[in-house]
Amino acid sequence: MNIQENISLKRYNTFGIDVKARYFVEITGLAQLQKILDLEAYPKKFILSGGSNMLLTKDIDALVMHINLKGISIVDENDDDVEIKVMAGENWHQLVLWTLDKGFGGLENLSLIPGNTGTAPIQNIGAYGVELKDVFVSCSAMEIETGELVAFGHEACEFGYRDSIFKNEAKGKYIITSVNLKLTKKNHTLHTGYGSIETELREKGIVHPTIQDISDAVIAIRQSKLPDPKELGNSGSFFKNPVISRKAYEKFMKKNPEAPSYEVDEENYKIPAGWLIEQCGFKGKRFGEAGVHEKQALVLVNYGNATGTELWKLAQQIQKEVAERFKIKIQPEVNIIK
């Protein structure tokens, strides 16, 4: 058990924020995880996975447990479907590529999303018309207080838009150790109607796309809009797209008829947060070492030496100006560690 002291977390978070962990340990097995949780010498513990959905604003005065559990296995299959078990430390995009290589459908629209598989249910990650909940079967999670493994089925996870029980009642109580997903082996359901997928396919001359074609299109679109965290620190979409009531939507559209929108259901509509931010003039703006990406206003970036506090102040300024101009509150998709 190699517990290190005063370790920089810069390489462990996609924003590239240089804060320190008072103590740090790499978790590679379930027995080791149980043993670490039981250590009374380190009463304060902090869970770190892929570091793609967090903004660190200060040093972590605790034992940082980096969840690096690995492994992908098939647990059940028939002629039509397959259920796979994925350990929490597996990189999400590498998982997507693995499923495509096997000919398994369901994750292609979720290509190139940063982070690890263990955090996917927490956020109910989604992109281009597909969410994790669409393929989710269950997950195993270790209860921090007892060290016991608990199974969470689909219903128990209480999935919502970028939301789950792990962001609410179960927040801080469990560590997800593995995720089970159900994917298709044939007769794949293709989702091409969201965003620019159809345009991308058309430009490539693809009339009858495969799941690989969908993935390639999504990757091309994301790479054209989103910076590589290895080159420019970021956490993908920083804000959630706000969902507003029909009454608020009608009022909003009367003043902003050119605004894009998506119907969620009969009573609710989604307004792209990126559009709102861009209208407020933030797109491409730089504030010292922090800024808003030039191609996608949803993405806050670290130009090299920004602190988490500087990025959070920028995010709050964006929230304030969007609320003042449009009377719409936008909330962070990223977990702010204060």
C-alpha atoms as a PDB file:
ATOM      1  CA  MET A   1       0.000   0.000   0.000  1.00  0.00           C
ATOM      2  CA  ASN A   2       1.921   3.002  -1.306  1.00  0.00           C
ATOM      3  CA  ILE A   3       0.525   6.176   0.282  1.00  0.00           C
ATOM      4  CA  GLN A   4       2.406   9.240  -0.979  1.00  0.00           C
ATOM      5  CA  GLU A   5       2.506  12.758   0.444  1.00  0.00           C
ATOM      6  CA  ASN A   6       2.122  16.219  -1.138  1.00  0.00           C
ATOM      7  CA  ILE A   7       1.422  14.989  -4.658  1.00  0.00           C
ATOM      8  CA  SER A   8       0.468  17.411  -7.453  1.00  0.00           C
ATOM      9  CA  LEU A   9      -2.909  16.597  -8.998  1.00  0.00           C
ATOM     10  CA  LYS A  10      -2.194  18.506 -12.211  1.00  0.00           C
ATOM     11  CA  ARG A  11      -1.958  15.336 -14.312  1.00  0.00           C
ATOM     12  CA  TYR A  12      -5.038  13.856 -12.639  1.00  0.00           C
ATOM     13  CA  ASN A  13      -7.572  16.537 -13.673  1.00  0.00           C
ATOM     14  CA  THR A  14      -8.364  17.556 -17.251  1.00  0.00           C
ATOM     15  CA  PHE A  15      -8.358  21.269 -16.400  1.00  0.00           C
ATOM     16  CA  GLY A  16      -4.691  20.844 -15.496  1.00  0.00           C
ATOM     17  CA  ILE A  17      -5.092  22.711 -12.210  1.00  0.00           C
ATOM     18  CA  ASP A  18      -1.932  22.440 -10.131  1.00  0.00           C
ATOM     19  CA  VAL A  19      -3.188  21.745  -6.620  1.00  0.00           C
ATOM     20  CA  LYS A  20      -1.696  19.271  -4.164  1.00  0.00           C
ATOM     21  CA  ALA A  21      -3.051  16.227  -2.387  1.00  0.00           C
ATOM     22  CA  ARG A  22      -1.912  15.984   1.247  1.00  0.00           C
ATOM     23  CA  TYR A  23      -1.895  12.196   0.796  1.00  0.00           C
ATOM     24  CA  PHE A  24      -2.383  10.139  -2.375  1.00  0.00           C
ATOM     25  CA  VAL A  25      -2.941   6.463  -3.148  1.00  0.00           C
ATOM     26  CA  GLU A  26      -3.676   4.534  -6.356  1.00  0.00           C
ATOM     27  CA  ILE A  27      -6.557   2.042  -6.009  1.00  0.00           C
ATOM     28  CA  THR A  28      -6.211  -1.012  -8.263  1.00  0.00           C
ATOM     29  CA  GLY A  29      -8.293  -3.668  -6.462  1.00  0.00           C
ATOM     30  CA  LEU A  30     -11.491  -4.023  -4.435  1.00  0.00           C
ATOM     31  CA  ALA A  31      -9.768  -5.563  -1.406  1.00  0.00           C
ATOM     32  CA  GLN A  32      -7.283  -2.689  -1.401  1.00  0.00           C
ATOM     33  CA  LEU A  33     -10.163  -0.195  -1.617  1.00  0.00           C
ATOM     34  CA  GLN A  34     -11.889  -1.768   1.394  1.00  0.00           C
ATOM     35  CA  LYS A  35      -8.630  -1.698   3.359  1.00  0.00           C
ATOM     36  CA  ILE A  36      -7.987   1.979   2.519  1.00  0.00           C
ATOM     37  CA  LEU A  37     -11.523   2.975   3.514  1.00  0.00           C
ATOM     38  CA  ASP A  38     -10.945   1.306   6.881  1.00  0.00           C
ATOM     39  CA  LEU A  39      -7.751   3.255   7.640  1.00  0.00           C
ATOM     40  CA  GLU A  40      -8.437   5.373  10.723  1.00  0.00           C
ATOM     41  CA  ALA A  41      -5.129   7.201  10.323  1.00  0.00           C
ATOM     42  CA  TYR A  42      -6.655   9.069   7.369  1.00  0.00           C
ATOM     43  CA  PRO A  43     -10.139  10.134   8.491  1.00  0.00           C
ATOM     44  CA  LYS A  44     -10.620  12.522   5.549  1.00  0.00           C
ATOM     45  CA  LYS A  45     -10.772  10.842   2.154  1.00  0.00           C
ATOM     46  CA  PHE A  46     -11.354  12.249  -1.331  1.00  0.00           C
ATOM     47  CA  ILE A  47     -12.424  10.145  -4.329  1.00  0.00           C
ATOM     48  CA  LEU A  48     -10.757  10.891  -7.668  1.00  0.00           C
ATOM     49  CA  SER A  49     -11.498   9.062 -10.912  1.00  0.00           C
ATOM     50  CA  GLY A  50     -10.709  10.452 -14.361  1.00  0.00           C
ATOM     51  CA  GLY A  51     -10.722  14.046 -13.116  1.00  0.00           C
ATOM     52  CA  SER A  52     -12.749  15.150 -16.135  1.00  0.00           C
ATOM     53  CA  ASN A  53     -15.803  16.494 -14.380  1.00  0.00           C
ATOM     54  CA  MET A  54     -14.332  18.580 -11.597  1.00  0.00           C
ATOM     55  CA  LEU A  55     -12.796  21.975 -10.998  1.00  0.00           C
ATOM     56  CA  LEU A  56     -10.287  21.960  -8.157  1.00  0.00           C
ATOM     57  CA  THR A  57     -10.046  25.357  -6.459  1.00  0.00           C
ATOM     58  CA  LYS A  58      -7.749  24.447  -3.563  1.00  0.00           C
ATOM     59  CA  ASP A  59      -5.299  21.867  -2.212  1.00  0.00           C
ATOM     60  CA  ILE A  60      -6.973  18.680  -0.979  1.00  0.00           C
ATOM     61  CA  ASP A  61      -6.224  18.212   2.722  1.00  0.00           C
ATOM     62  CA  ALA A  62      -7.197  14.545   2.704  1.00  0.00           C
ATOM     63  CA  LEU A  63      -6.184  11.123   1.409  1.00  0.00           C
ATOM     64  CA  VAL A  64      -6.921  11.310  -2.326  1.00  0.00           C
ATOM     65  CA  MET A  65      -7.956   7.867  -3.556  1.00  0.00           C
ATOM     66  CA  HIS A  66      -7.390   7.564  -7.294  1.00  0.00           C
ATOM     67  CA  ILE A  67      -9.797   4.864  -8.523  1.00  0.00           C
ATOM     68  CA  ASN A  68      -7.898   2.876 -11.152  1.00  0.00           C
ATOM     69  CA  LEU A  69      -9.841  -0.405 -11.257  1.00  0.00           C
ATOM     70  CA  LYS A  70      -9.408  -2.052 -14.686  1.00  0.00           C
ATOM     71  CA  GLY A  71     -11.175  -4.708 -16.742  1.00  0.00           C
ATOM     72  CA  ILE A  72     -13.945  -5.273 -19.321  1.00  0.00           C
ATOM     73  CA  SER A  73     -15.811  -8.570 -19.495  1.00  0.00           C
ATOM     74  CA  ILE A  74     -18.913 -10.067 -21.112  1.00  0.00           C
ATOM     75  CA  VAL A  75     -21.339 -11.313 -18.468  1.00  0.00           C
ATOM     76  CA  ASP A  76     -24.281 -12.376 -20.658  1.00  0.00           C
ATOM     77  CA  GLU A  77     -25.166 -12.513 -24.337  1.00  0.00           C
ATOM     78  CA  ASN A  78     -27.542 -13.942 -26.904  1.00  0.00           C
ATOM     79  CA  ASP A  79     -27.908 -13.571 -30.664  1.00  0.00           C
ATOM     80  CA  ASP A  80     -29.217  -9.998 -30.361  1.00  0.00           C
ATOM     81  CA  ASP A  81     -27.722  -8.411 -27.233  1.00  0.00           C
ATOM     82  CA  VAL A  82     -24.718  -8.481 -24.965  1.00  0.00           C
ATOM     83  CA  GLU A  83     -24.250  -7.333 -21.376  1.00  0.00           C
ATOM     84  CA  ILE A  84     -20.778  -6.161 -20.421  1.00  0.00           C
ATOM     85  CA  LYS A  85     -19.218  -5.339 -17.057  1.00  0.00           C
ATOM     86  CA  VAL A  86     -16.770  -2.450 -17.071  1.00  0.00           C
ATOM     87  CA  MET A  87     -14.545  -1.592 -14.115  1.00  0.00           C
ATOM     88  CA  ALA A  88     -14.639   2.003 -12.911  1.00  0.00           C
ATOM     89  CA  GLY A  89     -11.097   2.957 -13.910  1.00  0.00           C
ATOM     90  CA  GLU A  90     -11.541   2.172 -17.601  1.00  0.00           C
ATOM     91  CA  ASN A  91     -11.265   5.240 -19.830  1.00  0.00           C
ATOM     92  CA  TRP A  92     -14.692   5.941 -21.318  1.00  0.00           C
ATOM     93  CA  HIS A  93     -13.614   6.624 -24.904  1.00  0.00           C
ATOM     94  CA  GLN A  94     -11.359   3.565 -24.932  1.00  0.00           C
ATOM     95  CA  LEU A  95     -14.414   1.560 -23.819  1.00  0.00           C
ATOM     96  CA  VAL A  96     -16.433   2.977 -26.720  1.00  0.00           C
ATOM     97  CA  LEU A  97     -13.668   1.976 -29.150  1.00  0.00           C
ATOM     98  CA  TRP A  98     -13.598  -1.522 -27.610  1.00  0.00           C
ATOM     99  CA  THR A  99     -17.362  -1.944 -28.150  1.00  0.00           C
ATOM    100  CA  LEU A 100     -17.094  -0.763 -31.756  1.00  0.00           C
ATOM    101  CA  ASP A 101     -14.264  -3.205 -32.419  1.00  0.00           C
ATOM    102  CA  LYS A 102     -16.547  -5.989 -31.164  1.00  0.00           C
ATOM    103  CA  GLY A 103     -19.466  -4.737 -33.294  1.00  0.00           C
ATOM    104  CA  PHE A 104     -21.540  -3.826 -30.216  1.00  0.00           C
ATOM    105  CA  GLY A 105     -23.909  -0.886 -30.670  1.00  0.00           C
ATOM    106  CA  GLY A 106     -25.210   1.681 -28.198  1.00  0.00           C
ATOM    107  CA  LEU A 107     -22.234   3.827 -27.211  1.00  0.00           C
ATOM    108  CA  GLU A 108     -21.249   5.280 -30.594  1.00  0.00           C
ATOM    109  CA  ASN A 109     -22.935   8.661 -29.954  1.00  0.00           C
ATOM    110  CA  LEU A 110     -21.004   8.907 -26.681  1.00  0.00           C
ATOM    111  CA  SER A 111     -17.593   8.794 -28.390  1.00  0.00           C
ATOM    112  CA  LEU A 112     -14.786  11.032 -27.155  1.00  0.00           C
ATOM    113  CA  ILE A 113     -16.463  12.015 -23.879  1.00  0.00           C
ATOM    114  CA  PRO A 114     -13.590  12.560 -21.413  1.00  0.00           C
ATOM    115  CA  GLY A 115     -13.311  10.713 -18.128  1.00  0.00           C
ATOM    116  CA  ASN A 116     -13.605   7.197 -16.752  1.00  0.00           C
ATOM    117  CA  THR A 117     -16.491   4.744 -16.707  1.00  0.00           C
ATOM    118  CA  GLY A 118     -17.049   4.895 -12.937  1.00  0.00           C
ATOM    119  CA  THR A 119     -18.212   8.503 -13.077  1.00  0.00           C
ATOM    120  CA  ALA A 120     -20.536   7.974 -16.068  1.00  0.00           C
ATOM    121  CA  PRO A 121     -23.608   6.993 -13.972  1.00  0.00           C
ATOM    122  CA  ILE A 122     -23.087   9.866 -11.534  1.00  0.00           C
ATOM    123  CA  GLN A 123     -23.504  12.398 -14.313  1.00  0.00           C
ATOM    124  CA  ASN A 124     -25.722  10.246 -16.543  1.00  0.00           C
ATOM    125  CA  ILE A 125     -23.376  11.328 -19.331  1.00  0.00           C
ATOM    126  CA  GLY A 126     -24.958  12.092 -22.670  1.00  0.00           C
ATOM    127  CA  ALA A 127     -24.320  13.512 -26.106  1.00  0.00           C
ATOM    128  CA  TYR A 128     -25.997  13.738 -29.512  1.00  0.00           C
ATOM    129  CA  GLY A 129     -29.373  12.358 -28.433  1.00  0.00           C
ATOM    130  CA  VAL A 130     -28.112   9.446 -26.298  1.00  0.00           C
ATOM    131  CA  GLU A 131     -27.624   9.154 -22.535  1.00  0.00           C
ATOM    132  CA  LEU A 132     -25.951   6.514 -20.401  1.00  0.00           C
ATOM    133  CA  LYS A 133     -29.328   5.503 -18.975  1.00  0.00           C
ATOM    134  CA  ASP A 134     -30.326   4.242 -22.439  1.00  0.00           C
ATOM    135  CA  VAL A 135     -27.864   1.333 -22.167  1.00  0.00           C
ATOM    136  CA  PHE A 136     -27.400   1.106 -18.386  1.00  0.00           C
ATOM    137  CA  VAL A 137     -28.286  -2.123 -16.569  1.00  0.00           C
ATOM    138  CA  SER A 138     -26.733  -1.709 -13.120  1.00  0.00           C
ATOM    139  CA  CYS A 139     -23.639  -0.663 -11.228  1.00  0.00           C
ATOM    140  CA  SER A 140     -21.773  -1.902  -8.192  1.00  0.00           C
ATOM    141  CA  ALA A 141     -20.744   0.637  -5.586  1.00  0.00           C
ATOM    142  CA  MET A 142     -18.813   0.332  -2.360  1.00  0.00           C
ATOM    143  CA  GLU A 143     -20.415   2.005   0.628  1.00  0.00           C
ATOM    144  CA  ILE A 144     -17.766   4.268   2.114  1.00  0.00           C
ATOM    145  CA  GLU A 145     -18.925   3.857   5.695  1.00  0.00           C
ATOM    146  CA  THR A 146     -19.094   0.038   5.734  1.00  0.00           C
ATOM    147  CA  GLY A 147     -16.903  -1.124   2.822  1.00  0.00           C
ATOM    148  CA  GLU A 148     -19.793  -3.269   1.555  1.00  0.00           C
ATOM    149  CA  LEU A 149     -20.569  -3.654  -2.142  1.00  0.00           C
ATOM    150  CA  VAL A 150     -24.093  -2.563  -3.084  1.00  0.00           C
ATOM    151  CA  ALA A 151     -25.853  -3.114  -6.425  1.00  0.00           C
ATOM    152  CA  PHE A 152     -27.846  -0.256  -7.965  1.00  0.00           C
ATOM    153  CA  GLY A 153     -30.324  -1.167 -10.690  1.00  0.00           C
ATOM    154  CA  HIS A 154     -31.579   1.230 -13.337  1.00  0.00           C
ATOM    155  CA  GLU A 155     -34.547   2.494 -11.318  1.00  0.00           C
ATOM    156  CA  ALA A 156     -32.529   2.856  -8.117  1.00  0.00           C
ATOM    157  CA  CYS A 157     -30.132   5.261  -9.859  1.00  0.00           C
ATOM    158  CA  GLU A 158     -32.922   7.832 -10.386  1.00  0.00           C
ATOM    159  CA  PHE A 159     -31.435   9.114 -13.627  1.00  0.00           C
ATOM    160  CA  GLY A 160     -32.315  12.588 -14.870  1.00  0.00           C
ATOM    161  CA  TYR A 161     -30.731  15.093 -17.234  1.00  0.00           C
ATOM    162  CA  ARG A 162     -27.041  15.020 -16.166  1.00  0.00           C
ATOM    163  CA  ASP A 163     -28.306  13.779 -12.838  1.00  0.00           C
ATOM    164  CA  SER A 164     -28.599  10.655 -10.673  1.00  0.00           C
ATOM    165  CA  ILE A 165     -29.018   9.540  -7.075  1.00  0.00           C
ATOM    166  CA  PHE A 166     -25.217   9.784  -6.769  1.00  0.00           C
ATOM    167  CA  LYS A 167     -25.459  13.572  -7.084  1.00  0.00           C
ATOM    168  CA  ASN A 168     -28.284  13.737  -4.541  1.00  0.00           C
ATOM    169  CA  GLU A 169     -29.198  11.385  -1.676  1.00  0.00           C
ATOM    170  CA  ALA A 170     -26.230   9.079  -2.267  1.00  0.00           C
ATOM    171  CA  LYS A 171     -23.676  11.837  -2.821  1.00  0.00           C
ATOM    172  CA  GLY A 172     -20.448  11.145  -0.937  1.00  0.00           C
ATOM    173  CA  LYS A 173     -21.722   7.807   0.364  1.00  0.00           C
ATOM    174  CA  TYR A 174     -20.575   5.395  -2.348  1.00  0.00           C
ATOM    175  CA  ILE A 175     -17.681   4.701  -4.718  1.00  0.00           C
ATOM    176  CA  ILE A 176     -18.826   3.161  -8.002  1.00  0.00           C
ATOM    177  CA  THR A 177     -16.566   0.186  -8.748  1.00  0.00           C
ATOM    178  CA  SER A 178     -18.095  -1.230 -11.945  1.00  0.00           C
ATOM    179  CA  VAL A 179     -20.880  -0.583 -14.459  1.00  0.00           C
ATOM    180  CA  ASN A 180     -22.982  -3.090 -16.434  1.00  0.00           C
ATOM    181  CA  LEU A 181     -24.267  -2.041 -19.875  1.00  0.00           C
ATOM    182  CA  LYS A 182     -26.577  -3.753 -22.384  1.00  0.00           C
ATOM    183  CA  LEU A 183     -25.557  -3.294 -26.010  1.00  0.00           C
ATOM    184  CA  THR A 184     -26.857  -4.574 -29.333  1.00  0.00           C
ATOM    185  CA  LYS A 185     -25.081  -7.110 -31.551  1.00  0.00           C
ATOM    186  CA  LYS A 186     -27.284  -6.518 -34.601  1.00  0.00           C
ATOM    187  CA  ASN A 187     -30.263  -4.414 -35.709  1.00  0.00           C
ATOM    188  CA  HIS A 188     -28.631  -1.422 -34.043  1.00  0.00           C
ATOM    189  CA  THR A 189     -30.758   1.640 -33.323  1.00  0.00           C
ATOM    190  CA  LEU A 190     -28.952   4.543 -34.965  1.00  0.00           C
ATOM    191  CA  HIS A 191     -29.348   8.075 -33.593  1.00  0.00           C
ATOM    192  CA  THR A 192     -28.463  10.527 -36.342  1.00  0.00           C
ATOM    193  CA  GLY A 193     -31.012  13.303 -35.867  1.00  0.00           C
ATOM    194  CA  TYR A 194     -29.281  15.304 -33.157  1.00  0.00           C
ATOM    195  CA  GLY A 195     -26.747  18.046 -33.740  1.00  0.00           C
ATOM    196  CA  SER A 196     -24.653  17.905 -36.900  1.00  0.00           C
ATOM    197  CA  ILE A 197     -24.426  14.121 -37.327  1.00  0.00           C
ATOM    198  CA  GLU A 198     -26.603  13.991 -40.455  1.00  0.00           C
ATOM    199  CA  THR A 199     -24.667  16.869 -42.018  1.00  0.00           C
ATOM    200  CA  GLU A 200     -21.343  15.185 -41.257  1.00  0.00           C
ATOM    201  CA  LEU A 201     -22.527  11.886 -42.768  1.00  0.00           C
ATOM    202  CA  ARG A 202     -23.910  13.633 -45.847  1.00  0.00           C
ATOM    203  CA  GLU A 203     -20.626  15.463 -46.427  1.00  0.00           C
ATOM    204  CA  LYS A 204     -18.840  12.108 -46.310  1.00  0.00           C
ATOM    205  CA  GLY A 205     -21.316  10.640 -48.789  1.00  0.00           C
ATOM    206  CA  ILE A 206     -22.615   8.072 -46.296  1.00  0.00           C
ATOM    207  CA  VAL A 207     -26.253   7.101 -46.923  1.00  0.00           C
ATOM    208  CA  HIS A 208     -26.502   3.918 -44.835  1.00  0.00           C
ATOM    209  CA  PRO A 209     -24.294   4.559 -41.781  1.00  0.00           C
ATOM    210  CA  THR A 210     -22.865   1.897 -39.516  1.00  0.00           C
ATOM    211  CA  ILE A 211     -22.234   2.362 -35.790  1.00  0.00           C
ATOM    212  CA  GLN A 212     -18.595   3.026 -36.699  1.00  0.00           C
ATOM    213  CA  ASP A 213     -19.712   5.766 -39.119  1.00  0.00           C
ATOM    214  CA  ILE A 214     -21.771   7.380 -36.331  1.00  0.00           C
ATOM    215  CA  SER A 215     -18.803   7.281 -33.973  1.00  0.00           C
ATOM    216  CA  ASP A 216     -16.477   8.736 -36.611  1.00  0.00           C
ATOM    217  CA  ALA A 217     -18.968  11.551 -37.276  1.00  0.00           C
ATOM    218  CA  VAL A 218     -19.322  12.350 -33.558  1.00  0.00           C
ATOM    219  CA  ILE A 219     -15.540  12.348 -33.109  1.00  0.00           C
ATOM    220  CA  ALA A 220     -15.091  14.687 -36.090  1.00  0.00           C
ATOM    221  CA  ILE A 221     -17.756  17.072 -34.761  1.00  0.00           C
ATOM    222  CA  ARG A 222     -16.351  17.058 -31.211  1.00  0.00           C
ATOM    223  CA  GLN A 223     -12.782  17.580 -32.408  1.00  0.00           C
ATOM    224  CA  SER A 224     -13.898  20.527 -34.531  1.00  0.00           C
ATOM    225  CA  LYS A 225     -15.537  22.191 -31.531  1.00  0.00           C
ATOM    226  CA  LEU A 226     -13.789  20.968 -28.398  1.00  0.00           C
ATOM    227  CA  PRO A 227     -10.122  21.343 -27.429  1.00  0.00           C
ATOM    228  CA  ASP A 228      -8.040  18.319 -26.478  1.00  0.00           C
ATOM    229  CA  PRO A 229      -7.505  18.513 -22.671  1.00  0.00           C
ATOM    230  CA  LYS A 230      -3.908  17.360 -23.224  1.00  0.00           C
ATOM    231  CA  GLU A 231      -3.273  20.509 -25.245  1.00  0.00           C
ATOM    232  CA  LEU A 232      -5.629  23.001 -23.574  1.00  0.00           C
ATOM    233  CA  GLY A 233      -6.977  22.307 -20.088  1.00  0.00           C
ATOM    234  CA  ASN A 234     -10.764  21.937 -20.015  1.00  0.00           C
ATOM    235  CA  SER A 235     -13.552  19.755 -18.724  1.00  0.00           C
ATOM    236  CA  GLY A 236     -15.769  19.633 -21.798  1.00  0.00           C
ATOM    237  CA  SER A 237     -19.134  21.302 -21.361  1.00  0.00           C
ATOM    238  CA  PHE A 238     -18.908  23.378 -18.200  1.00  0.00           C
ATOM    239  CA  PHE A 239     -22.627  24.215 -17.990  1.00  0.00           C
ATOM    240  CA  LYS A 240     -25.796  22.176 -18.337  1.00  0.00           C
ATOM    241  CA  ASN A 241     -28.319  23.221 -20.963  1.00  0.00           C
ATOM    242  CA  PRO A 242     -31.149  24.843 -18.969  1.00  0.00           C
ATOM    243  CA  VAL A 243     -34.617  23.317 -19.134  1.00  0.00           C
ATOM    244  CA  ILE A 244     -37.447  25.853 -18.807  1.00  0.00           C
ATOM    245  CA  SER A 245     -41.225  25.612 -18.564  1.00  0.00           C
ATOM    246  CA  ARG A 246     -43.524  26.139 -21.534  1.00  0.00           C
ATOM    247  CA  LYS A 247     -44.656  29.505 -20.135  1.00  0.00           C
ATOM    248  CA  ALA A 248     -41.064  30.710 -19.696  1.00  0.00           C
ATOM    249  CA  TYR A 249     -40.186  29.297 -23.117  1.00  0.00           C
ATOM    250  CA  GLU A 250     -42.947  31.208 -24.897  1.00  0.00           C
ATOM    251  CA  LYS A 251     -41.887  34.413 -23.179  1.00  0.00           C
ATOM    252  CA  PHE A 252     -38.234  33.759 -24.042  1.00  0.00           C
ATOM    253  CA  MET A 253     -38.938  32.990 -27.718  1.00  0.00           C
ATOM    254  CA  LYS A 254     -41.043  36.115 -28.127  1.00  0.00           C
ATOM    255  CA  LYS A 255     -37.968  38.169 -27.232  1.00  0.00           C
ATOM    256  CA  ASN A 256     -35.455  35.826 -28.911  1.00  0.00           C
ATOM    257  CA  PRO A 257     -37.154  34.265 -31.967  1.00  0.00           C
ATOM    258  CA  GLU A 258     -33.794  33.290 -33.480  1.00  0.00           C
ATOM    259  CA  ALA A 259     -32.758  31.165 -30.483  1.00  0.00           C
ATOM    260  CA  PRO A 260     -32.336  27.391 -30.969  1.00  0.00           C
ATOM    261  CA  SER A 261     -34.379  25.152 -28.681  1.00  0.00           C
ATOM    262  CA  TYR A 262     -35.391  21.533 -28.159  1.00  0.00           C
ATOM    263  CA  GLU A 263     -38.666  20.173 -26.824  1.00  0.00           C
ATOM    264  CA  VAL A 264     -38.080  17.925 -23.804  1.00  0.00           C
ATOM    265  CA  ASP A 265     -41.764  17.109 -23.325  1.00  0.00           C
ATOM    266  CA  GLU A 266     -45.081  18.914 -23.622  1.00  0.00           C
ATOM    267  CA  GLU A 267     -44.304  21.219 -20.719  1.00  0.00           C
ATOM    268  CA  ASN A 268     -40.538  21.735 -20.886  1.00  0.00           C
ATOM    269  CA  TYR A 269     -37.974  23.023 -23.366  1.00  0.00           C
ATOM    270  CA  LYS A 270     -34.183  22.937 -23.454  1.00  0.00           C
ATOM    271  CA  ILE A 271     -32.243  26.058 -24.469  1.00  0.00           C
ATOM    272  CA  PRO A 272     -28.580  25.565 -25.478  1.00  0.00           C
ATOM    273  CA  ALA A 273     -26.443  27.186 -22.781  1.00  0.00           C
ATOM    274  CA  GLY A 274     -23.683  27.750 -25.332  1.00  0.00           C
ATOM    275  CA  TRP A 275     -25.983  30.007 -27.370  1.00  0.00           C
ATOM    276  CA  LEU A 276     -26.933  32.024 -24.279  1.00  0.00           C
ATOM    277  CA  ILE A 277     -23.274  32.467 -23.302  1.00  0.00           C
ATOM    278  CA  GLU A 278     -22.276  33.419 -26.833  1.00  0.00           C
ATOM    279  CA  GLN A 279     -25.002  36.093 -26.988  1.00  0.00           C
ATOM    280  CA  CYS A 280     -23.503  37.624 -23.855  1.00  0.00           C
ATOM    281  CA  GLY A 281     -20.201  38.063 -25.684  1.00  0.00           C
ATOM    282  CA  PHE A 282     -18.067  35.531 -23.823  1.00  0.00           C
ATOM    283  CA  LYS A 283     -17.172  33.194 -26.698  1.00  0.00           C
ATOM    284  CA  GLY A 284     -13.431  33.330 -27.381  1.00  0.00           C
ATOM    285  CA  LYS A 285     -12.778  35.830 -24.575  1.00  0.00           C
ATOM    286  CA  ARG A 286      -9.687  35.430 -22.430  1.00  0.00           C
ATOM    287  CA  PHE A 287      -9.334  36.669 -18.870  1.00  0.00           C
ATOM    288  CA  GLY A 288      -5.693  36.208 -17.940  1.00  0.00           C
ATOM    289  CA  GLU A 289      -4.968  32.479 -17.994  1.00  0.00           C
ATOM    290  CA  ALA A 290      -8.681  31.545 -17.926  1.00  0.00           C
ATOM    291  CA  GLY A 291     -11.061  31.880 -20.830  1.00  0.00           C
ATOM    292  CA  VAL A 292     -13.979  30.687 -22.943  1.00  0.00           C
ATOM    293  CA  HIS A 293     -13.122  28.538 -25.940  1.00  0.00           C
ATOM    294  CA  GLU A 294     -13.200  30.252 -29.321  1.00  0.00           C
ATOM    295  CA  LYS A 295     -15.241  27.493 -31.008  1.00  0.00           C
ATOM    296  CA  GLN A 296     -17.616  26.463 -28.218  1.00  0.00           C
ATOM    297  CA  ALA A 297     -18.893  28.885 -25.591  1.00  0.00           C
ATOM    298  CA  LEU A 298     -19.880  26.018 -23.273  1.00  0.00           C
ATOM    299  CA  VAL A 299     -16.231  25.186 -22.701  1.00  0.00           C
ATOM    300  CA  LEU A 300     -14.093  27.051 -20.178  1.00  0.00           C
ATOM    301  CA  VAL A 301     -10.357  26.634 -20.718  1.00  0.00           C
ATOM    302  CA  ASN A 302      -7.101  26.903 -18.818  1.00  0.00           C
ATOM    303  CA  TYR A 303      -4.500  28.536 -21.048  1.00  0.00           C
ATOM    304  CA  GLY A 304      -1.707  27.182 -18.876  1.00  0.00           C
ATOM    305  CA  ASN A 305      -1.541  28.558 -15.376  1.00  0.00           C
ATOM    306  CA  ALA A 306      -5.100  29.461 -14.402  1.00  0.00           C
ATOM    307  CA  THR A 307      -6.168  28.609 -10.874  1.00  0.00           C
ATOM    308  CA  GLY A 308      -9.416  26.856 -10.141  1.00  0.00           C
ATOM    309  CA  THR A 309     -10.587  29.989  -8.338  1.00  0.00           C
ATOM    310  CA  GLU A 310     -10.022  32.119 -11.443  1.00  0.00           C
ATOM    311  CA  LEU A 311     -12.022  29.712 -13.595  1.00  0.00           C
ATOM    312  CA  TRP A 312     -14.825  29.564 -11.022  1.00  0.00           C
ATOM    313  CA  LYS A 313     -14.996  33.384 -10.868  1.00  0.00           C
ATOM    314  CA  LEU A 314     -15.313  33.451 -14.659  1.00  0.00           C
ATOM    315  CA  ALA A 315     -18.070  30.843 -14.518  1.00  0.00           C
ATOM    316  CA  GLN A 316     -19.968  32.880 -11.932  1.00  0.00           C
ATOM    317  CA  GLN A 317     -19.652  36.023 -14.073  1.00  0.00           C
ATOM    318  CA  ILE A 318     -21.105  34.105 -17.017  1.00  0.00           C
ATOM    319  CA  GLN A 319     -23.985  32.850 -14.864  1.00  0.00           C
ATOM    320  CA  LYS A 320     -24.695  36.396 -13.660  1.00  0.00           C
ATOM    321  CA  GLU A 321     -24.778  37.963 -17.125  1.00  0.00           C
ATOM    322  CA  VAL A 322     -26.905  35.186 -18.653  1.00  0.00           C
ATOM    323  CA  ALA A 323     -29.406  35.509 -15.792  1.00  0.00           C
ATOM    324  CA  GLU A 324     -29.555  39.298 -16.133  1.00  0.00           C
ATOM    325  CA  ARG A 325     -30.047  39.255 -19.893  1.00  0.00           C
ATOM    326  CA  PHE A 326     -32.289  36.224 -20.391  1.00  0.00           C
ATOM    327  CA  LYS A 327     -33.796  35.600 -16.927  1.00  0.00           C
ATOM    328  CA  ILE A 328     -32.487  32.017 -17.218  1.00  0.00           C
ATOM    329  CA  LYS A 329     -30.227  30.342 -14.663  1.00  0.00           C
ATOM    330  CA  ILE A 330     -27.476  28.108 -16.013  1.00  0.00           C
ATOM    331  CA  GLN A 331     -25.896  25.584 -13.666  1.00  0.00           C
ATOM    332  CA  PRO A 332     -22.440  23.974 -13.786  1.00  0.00           C
ATOM    333  CA  GLU A 333     -22.232  20.467 -15.152  1.00  0.00           C
ATOM    334  CA  VAL A 334     -18.787  20.300 -13.551  1.00  0.00           C
ATOM    335  CA  ASN A 335     -18.374  19.503  -9.849  1.00  0.00           C
ATOM    336  CA  ILE A 336     -16.788  22.509  -8.121  1.00  0.00           C
ATOM    337  CA  ILE A 337     -14.401  21.478  -5.327  1.00  0.00           C
ATOM    338  CA  LYS A 338     -14.291  24.465  -2.925  1.00  0.00           C
END
